[in-house]
C-alpha atoms as a PDB file:
ATOM      1  CA  MET A   1      -1.958   1.270 -21.417  1.00  0.00           C
ATOM      2  CA  LEU A   2       0.087   3.500 -23.890  1.00  0.00           C
ATOM      3  CA  GLY A   3      -3.007   4.079 -25.965  1.00  0.00           C
ATOM      4  CA  ALA A   4      -4.942   5.642 -22.882  1.00  0.00           C
ATOM      5  CA  TRP A   5      -2.039   7.832 -21.865  1.00  0.00           C
ATOM      6  CA  THR A   6      -1.847   9.285 -25.367  1.00  0.00           C
ATOM      7  CA  LEU A   7      -5.449  10.362 -24.978  1.00  0.00           C
ATOM      8  CA  GLY A   8      -4.692  12.498 -22.144  1.00  0.00           C
ATOM      9  CA  PRO A   9      -4.521  12.758 -18.174  1.00  0.00           C
ATOM     10  CA  ALA A  10      -8.433  12.095 -17.723  1.00  0.00           C
ATOM     11  CA  ALA A  11      -8.147   8.710 -19.867  1.00  0.00           C
ATOM     12  CA  TYR A  12      -5.194   7.623 -18.135  1.00  0.00           C
ATOM     13  CA  TYR A  13      -6.344   8.207 -14.820  1.00  0.00           C
ATOM     14  CA  ASN A  14      -9.619   6.424 -15.404  1.00  0.00           C
ATOM     15  CA  ILE A  15      -7.801   3.365 -16.822  1.00  0.00           C
ATOM     16  CA  TYR A  16      -5.370   3.352 -13.910  1.00  0.00           C
ATOM     17  CA  HIS A  17      -8.231   2.605 -11.516  1.00  0.00           C
ATOM     18  CA  THR A  18      -9.137  -0.640 -13.268  1.00  0.00           C
ATOM     19  CA  MET A  19      -7.331  -3.932 -12.862  1.00  0.00           C
ATOM     20  CA  LEU A  20      -6.195  -3.394 -16.443  1.00  0.00           C
ATOM     21  CA  GLY A  21      -4.445  -0.372 -15.408  1.00  0.00           C
ATOM     22  CA  ARG A  22      -2.837  -1.988 -12.481  1.00  0.00           C
ATOM     23  CA  LEU A  23      -1.727  -5.083 -14.119  1.00  0.00           C
ATOM     24  CA  ASP A  24       1.860  -3.908 -14.220  1.00  0.00           C
ATOM     25  CA  GLN A  25       1.917  -3.534 -10.475  1.00  0.00           C
ATOM     26  CA  PHE A  26       0.396  -7.050  -9.852  1.00  0.00           C
ATOM     27  CA  LEU A  27       2.795  -8.596 -12.524  1.00  0.00           C
ATOM     28  CA  ILE A  28       5.836  -7.044 -10.775  1.00  0.00           C
ATOM     29  CA  GLY A  29       4.631  -8.261  -7.157  1.00  0.00           C
ATOM     30  CA  MET A  30       4.326 -11.700  -8.593  1.00  0.00           C
ATOM     31  CA  ALA A  31       7.673 -11.645 -10.232  1.00  0.00           C
ATOM     32  CA  ALA A  32       9.383 -10.314  -7.043  1.00  0.00           C
ATOM     33  CA  ALA A  33       7.675 -13.090  -5.172  1.00  0.00           C
ATOM     34  CA  ALA A  34       9.113 -15.672  -7.516  1.00  0.00           C
ATOM     35  CA  VAL A  35      12.397 -14.003  -7.465  1.00  0.00           C
ATOM     36  CA  PHE A  36      12.576 -14.111  -3.686  1.00  0.00           C
ATOM     37  CA  ALA A  37      11.486 -17.607  -3.541  1.00  0.00           C
ATOM     38  CA  HIS A  38      14.389 -18.638  -5.800  1.00  0.00           C
ATOM     39  CA  TYR A  39      16.990 -16.658  -4.250  1.00  0.00           C
ATOM     40  CA  ARG A  40      15.739 -16.737  -0.565  1.00  0.00           C
ATOM     41  CA  GLY A  41      18.700 -18.510   0.963  1.00  0.00           C
ATOM     42  CA  ARG A  42      21.249 -16.680  -1.162  1.00  0.00           C
ATOM     43  CA  ILE A  43      20.597 -12.996   0.002  1.00  0.00           C
ATOM     44  CA  SER A  44      22.202 -12.267   3.172  1.00  0.00           C
ATOM     45  CA  LYS A  45      20.587 -10.240   5.959  1.00  0.00           C
ATOM     46  CA  GLY A  46      23.032  -7.536   5.371  1.00  0.00           C
ATOM     47  CA  LEU A  47      22.389  -7.452   1.531  1.00  0.00           C
ATOM     48  CA  GLY A  48      18.641  -7.530   2.236  1.00  0.00           C
ATOM     49  CA  PHE A  49      18.859  -4.595   4.680  1.00  0.00           C
ATOM     50  CA  ALA A  50      20.983  -2.749   2.056  1.00  0.00           C
ATOM     51  CA  LEU A  51      18.612  -3.477  -0.901  1.00  0.00           C
ATOM     52  CA  ALA A  52      15.554  -2.215   1.256  1.00  0.00           C
ATOM     53  CA  ALA A  53      17.404   0.990   2.392  1.00  0.00           C
ATOM     54  CA  LEU A  54      18.472   1.660  -1.024  1.00  0.00           C
ATOM     55  CA  ALA A  55      15.129   0.918  -2.513  1.00  0.00           C
ATOM     56  CA  LEU A  56      13.427   3.199   0.242  1.00  0.00           C
ATOM     57  CA  ALA A  57      15.866   6.097  -0.567  1.00  0.00           C
ATOM     58  CA  LEU A  58      15.179   5.835  -4.458  1.00  0.00           C
ATOM     59  CA  LEU A  59      11.555   5.684  -3.747  1.00  0.00           C
ATOM     60  CA  THR A  60      11.663   8.770  -1.526  1.00  0.00           C
ATOM     61  CA  ALA A  61      13.918  10.568  -4.191  1.00  0.00           C
ATOM     62  CA  TRP A  62      11.478   9.492  -7.019  1.00  0.00           C
ATOM     63  CA  LEU A  63       8.502  11.027  -5.067  1.00  0.00           C
ATOM     64  CA  ALA A  64      10.220  14.240  -3.607  1.00  0.00           C
ATOM     65  CA  ILE A  65      12.480  15.209  -6.520  1.00  0.00           C
ATOM     66  CA  PHE A  66      10.661  14.365  -9.751  1.00  0.00           C
ATOM     67  CA  GLY A  67       7.010  14.838  -8.737  1.00  0.00           C
ATOM     68  CA  PRO A  68       6.004  11.868 -10.898  1.00  0.00           C
ATOM     69  CA  LEU A  69       2.166  12.301 -10.228  1.00  0.00           C
ATOM     70  CA  ASN A  70       2.128  14.884 -12.796  1.00  0.00           C
ATOM     71  CA  TYR A  71       1.362  14.076 -16.366  1.00  0.00           C
ATOM     72  CA  PRO A  72       3.049  12.698 -18.538  1.00  0.00           C
ATOM     73  CA  LEU A  73       5.574  11.350 -16.030  1.00  0.00           C
ATOM     74  CA  ASN A  74       2.916   9.551 -14.141  1.00  0.00           C
ATOM     75  CA  MET A  75       2.792   6.889 -16.924  1.00  0.00           C
ATOM     76  CA  LEU A  76       5.881   5.312 -15.367  1.00  0.00           C
ATOM     77  CA  SER A  77       5.248   6.492 -11.911  1.00  0.00           C
ATOM     78  CA  PHE A  78       3.153   3.538 -10.649  1.00  0.00           C
ATOM     79  CA  THR A  79       5.419   0.950 -12.255  1.00  0.00           C
ATOM     80  CA  VAL A  80       8.488   2.368 -10.670  1.00  0.00           C
ATOM     81  CA  GLU A  81       6.901   2.650  -7.363  1.00  0.00           C
ATOM     82  CA  ALA A  82       6.000  -1.129  -7.619  1.00  0.00           C
ATOM     83  CA  LEU A  83       9.556  -1.992  -8.712  1.00  0.00           C
ATOM     84  CA  LEU A  84      11.007  -0.289  -5.726  1.00  0.00           C
ATOM     85  CA  PHE A  85       8.381  -1.436  -3.131  1.00  0.00           C
ATOM     86  CA  SER A  86       8.980  -5.054  -4.211  1.00  0.00           C
ATOM     87  CA  ILE A  87      12.601  -4.463  -3.607  1.00  0.00           C
ATOM     88  CA  VAL A  88      11.935  -3.160  -0.074  1.00  0.00           C
ATOM     89  CA  ILE A  89       9.648  -5.994   0.788  1.00  0.00           C
ATOM     90  CA  ILE A  90      12.265  -8.495  -0.608  1.00  0.00           C
ATOM     91  CA  GLY A  91      14.925  -6.772   1.309  1.00  0.00           C
ATOM     92  CA  PHE A  92      13.228  -6.659   4.459  1.00  0.00           C
ATOM     93  CA  HIS A  93      12.294 -10.320   4.190  1.00  0.00           C
ATOM     94  CA  ALA A  94      15.719 -11.524   3.476  1.00  0.00           C
ATOM     95  CA  ALA A  95      17.046  -9.292   6.319  1.00  0.00           C
ATOM     96  CA  GLY A  96      14.804 -11.126   8.654  1.00  0.00           C
ATOM     97  CA  GLY A  97      11.989  -8.773   8.930  1.00  0.00           C
ATOM     98  CA  VAL A  98      11.390  -6.280  11.644  1.00  0.00           C
ATOM     99  CA  ARG A  99      11.386  -7.580  15.058  1.00  0.00           C
ATOM    100  CA  GLY A 100       9.972  -6.085  18.460  1.00  0.00           C
ATOM    101  CA  ARG A 101       7.430  -3.446  18.865  1.00  0.00           C
ATOM    102  CA  VAL A 102       7.935  -1.957  15.467  1.00  0.00           C
ATOM    103  CA  GLY A 103       7.547  -5.360  13.852  1.00  0.00           C
ATOM    104  CA  ARG A 104       4.250  -5.979  15.872  1.00  0.00           C
ATOM    105  CA  ALA A 105       3.093  -2.585  14.811  1.00  0.00           C
ATOM    106  CA  LEU A 106       3.856  -3.212  11.048  1.00  0.00           C
ATOM    107  CA  ALA A 107       2.053  -6.329  11.384  1.00  0.00           C
ATOM    108  CA  VAL A 108      -1.132  -4.690  12.727  1.00  0.00           C
ATOM    109  CA  LEU A 109      -0.933  -2.180  10.089  1.00  0.00           C
ATOM    110  CA  GLY A 110      -0.561  -5.034   7.456  1.00  0.00           C
ATOM    111  CA  SER A 111      -3.723  -6.611   8.935  1.00  0.00           C
ATOM    112  CA  ALA A 112      -5.627  -3.203   8.403  1.00  0.00           C
ATOM    113  CA  SER A 113      -4.120  -2.739   4.978  1.00  0.00           C
ATOM    114  CA  TYR A 114      -7.119  -3.686   2.987  1.00  0.00           C
ATOM    115  CA  SER A 115      -9.320  -1.181   4.987  1.00  0.00           C
ATOM    116  CA  LEU A 116      -6.479   1.403   4.533  1.00  0.00           C
ATOM    117  CA  TYR A 117      -6.746   0.641   0.725  1.00  0.00           C
ATOM    118  CA  LEU A 118     -10.500   1.062   0.580  1.00  0.00           C
ATOM    119  CA  LEU A 119     -10.538   4.200   2.784  1.00  0.00           C
ATOM    120  CA  HIS A 120      -7.415   6.318   1.922  1.00  0.00           C
ATOM    121  CA  LEU A 121      -8.665   8.041  -1.161  1.00  0.00           C
ATOM    122  CA  PHE A 122     -12.164   8.985   0.643  1.00  0.00           C
ATOM    123  CA  VAL A 123     -10.243  10.288   3.626  1.00  0.00           C
ATOM    124  CA  GLY A 124      -7.871  12.218   1.665  1.00  0.00           C
ATOM    125  CA  ALA A 125     -10.551  13.683  -0.460  1.00  0.00           C
ATOM    126  CA  VAL A 126     -12.948  14.811   2.581  1.00  0.00           C
ATOM    127  CA  VAL A 127      -9.901  15.909   5.078  1.00  0.00           C
ATOM    128  CA  LEU A 128      -8.014  17.856   2.558  1.00  0.00           C
ATOM    129  CA  LYS A 129     -11.267  19.737   1.390  1.00  0.00           C
ATOM    130  CA  LEU A 130     -12.127  20.623   5.091  1.00  0.00           C
ATOM    131  CA  VAL A 131      -8.544  21.739   5.754  1.00  0.00           C
ATOM    132  CA  ASN A 132      -8.671  23.825   2.761  1.00  0.00           C
ATOM    133  CA  GLN A 133     -12.010  25.288   3.832  1.00  0.00           C
ATOM    134  CA  TRP A 134     -11.110  25.761   7.552  1.00  0.00           C
ATOM    135  CA  ALA A 135      -7.448  27.063   6.978  1.00  0.00           C
ATOM    136  CA  PRO A 136      -6.815  28.291   3.323  1.00  0.00           C
ATOM    137  CA  ASP A 137      -3.835  30.099   4.374  1.00  0.00           C
ATOM    138  CA  LEU A 138      -2.262  27.001   5.805  1.00  0.00           C
ATOM    139  CA  HIS A 139       0.796  26.610   3.648  1.00  0.00           C
ATOM    140  CA  MET A 140       2.706  23.089   4.038  1.00  0.00           C
ATOM    141  CA  ALA A 141       4.949  21.178   2.113  1.00  0.00           C
ATOM    142  CA  GLY A 142       3.051  18.498   0.098  1.00  0.00           C
ATOM    143  CA  PHE A 143       4.493  15.519   1.933  1.00  0.00           C
ATOM    144  CA  LEU A 144       3.803  17.119   5.520  1.00  0.00           C
ATOM    145  CA  ARG A 145       0.422  17.980   4.402  1.00  0.00           C
ATOM    146  CA  THR A 146      -0.210  14.547   3.193  1.00  0.00           C
ATOM    147  CA  LEU A 147       1.310  12.758   6.244  1.00  0.00           C
ATOM    148  CA  LEU A 148      -0.856  15.030   8.642  1.00  0.00           C
ATOM    149  CA  PHE A 149      -4.124  15.092   6.757  1.00  0.00           C
ATOM    150  CA  VAL A 150      -4.126  12.240   4.554  1.00  0.00           C
ATOM    151  CA  PHE A 151      -1.995   9.302   5.908  1.00  0.00           C
ATOM    152  CA  LEU A 152      -2.424   9.533   9.585  1.00  0.00           C
ATOM    153  CA  PRO A 153      -6.306   9.896   9.701  1.00  0.00           C
ATOM    154  CA  SER A 154      -6.463   7.019   7.056  1.00  0.00           C
ATOM    155  CA  ILE A 155      -4.554   4.972   9.409  1.00  0.00           C
ATOM    156  CA  ALA A 156      -6.720   5.674  12.294  1.00  0.00           C
ATOM    157  CA  LEU A 157      -9.868   4.975  10.565  1.00  0.00           C
ATOM    158  CA  SER A 158      -8.441   1.893   8.859  1.00  0.00           C
ATOM    159  CA  LEU A 159      -7.502   0.718  12.353  1.00  0.00           C
ATOM    160  CA  LEU A 160     -10.973   1.539  13.648  1.00  0.00           C
ATOM    161  CA  THR A 161     -12.879  -0.363  10.927  1.00  0.00           C
ATOM    162  CA  TYR A 162     -10.480  -3.210  10.965  1.00  0.00           C
ATOM    163  CA  PHE A 163     -10.897  -3.917  14.469  1.00  0.00           C
ATOM    164  CA  SER A 164     -14.690  -3.038  14.847  1.00  0.00           C
ATOM    165  CA  ILE A 165     -15.900  -4.527  11.391  1.00  0.00           C
ATOM    166  CA  GLU A 166     -13.342  -6.529   9.321  1.00  0.00           C
ATOM    167  CA  LYS A 167     -11.830  -8.470  12.107  1.00  0.00           C
ATOM    168  CA  PRO A 168     -15.150  -9.446  14.006  1.00  0.00           C
ATOM    169  CA  PHE A 169     -16.689 -10.609  10.449  1.00  0.00           C
ATOM    170  CA  ILE A 170     -13.857 -12.656   9.737  1.00  0.00           C
ATOM    171  CA  GLU A 171     -14.071 -14.459  13.076  1.00  0.00           C
ATOM    172  CA  LEU A 172     -17.741 -14.920  12.462  1.00  0.00           C
ATOM    173  CA  GLY A 173     -16.944 -16.286   9.018  1.00  0.00           C
ATOM    174  CA  LYS A 174     -14.549 -18.885  10.689  1.00  0.00           C
ATOM    175  CA  LYS A 175     -17.381 -19.999  12.854  1.00  0.00           C
ATOM    176  CA  LEU A 176     -20.034 -20.279  10.183  1.00  0.00           C
ATOM    177  CA  GLY A 177     -17.839 -21.377   7.181  1.00  0.00           C
ATOM    178  CA  PRO A 178     -17.326 -24.810   5.619  1.00  0.00           C
ATOM    179  CA  ASN A 179     -15.059 -25.915   8.129  1.00  0.00           C
ATOM    180  CA  ALA A 180     -17.179 -24.643  11.139  1.00  0.00           C
ATOM    181  CA  PRO A 181     -18.108 -27.205  13.746  1.00  0.00           C
ATOM    182  CA  THR A 182     -21.518 -28.686  13.467  1.00  0.00           C
ATOM    183  CA  GLU A 183     -23.954 -30.022  15.826  1.00  0.00           C
ATOM    184  CA  VAL A 184     -25.440 -33.387  15.231  1.00  0.00           C
ATOM    185  CA  PRO A 185     -29.046 -33.556  16.230  1.00  0.00           C
ATOM    186  CA  ALA A 186     -29.567 -36.099  18.925  1.00  0.00           C
ATOM    187  CA  PRO A 187     -31.581 -39.311  17.484  1.00  0.00           C
END
């Protein structure tokens, strides 16, 4: 990874979009799961909530203040984000999760997360290009622009594709898979 980073932004971005480039995030997630499994009973709900809140605050500061997407700081950006998000997840689990309507909404978003993962770059590129063409004088802070023109449309399209494509095919797979009920022909 360091070698790709020294070759410049283009090489670093290209390797980042491979499994090798994401290996640190994968390993951090696996280590966080192991830590949570080991310390599950020892993290109080209050401490869990405090960890999640602190990690979210640090993540917000990291993204807003340091602008870590700019080369060369981006070499650490995705690793720092993985560490902070893993602390958020551990904290929320230790705190007992999120209940009620918000919890159910987050669960639905979690179900559609693969669609969100697949679609967010495409939606962002297309929608931001259209916004720049149709409203070139629209000046907004980067966060607000991303929220309105990338995040919300990506979530909407992801939910649409999850409920209209992904979920029906998952159900079909359950009916046709190796554990599906089979009919025995009459003798």
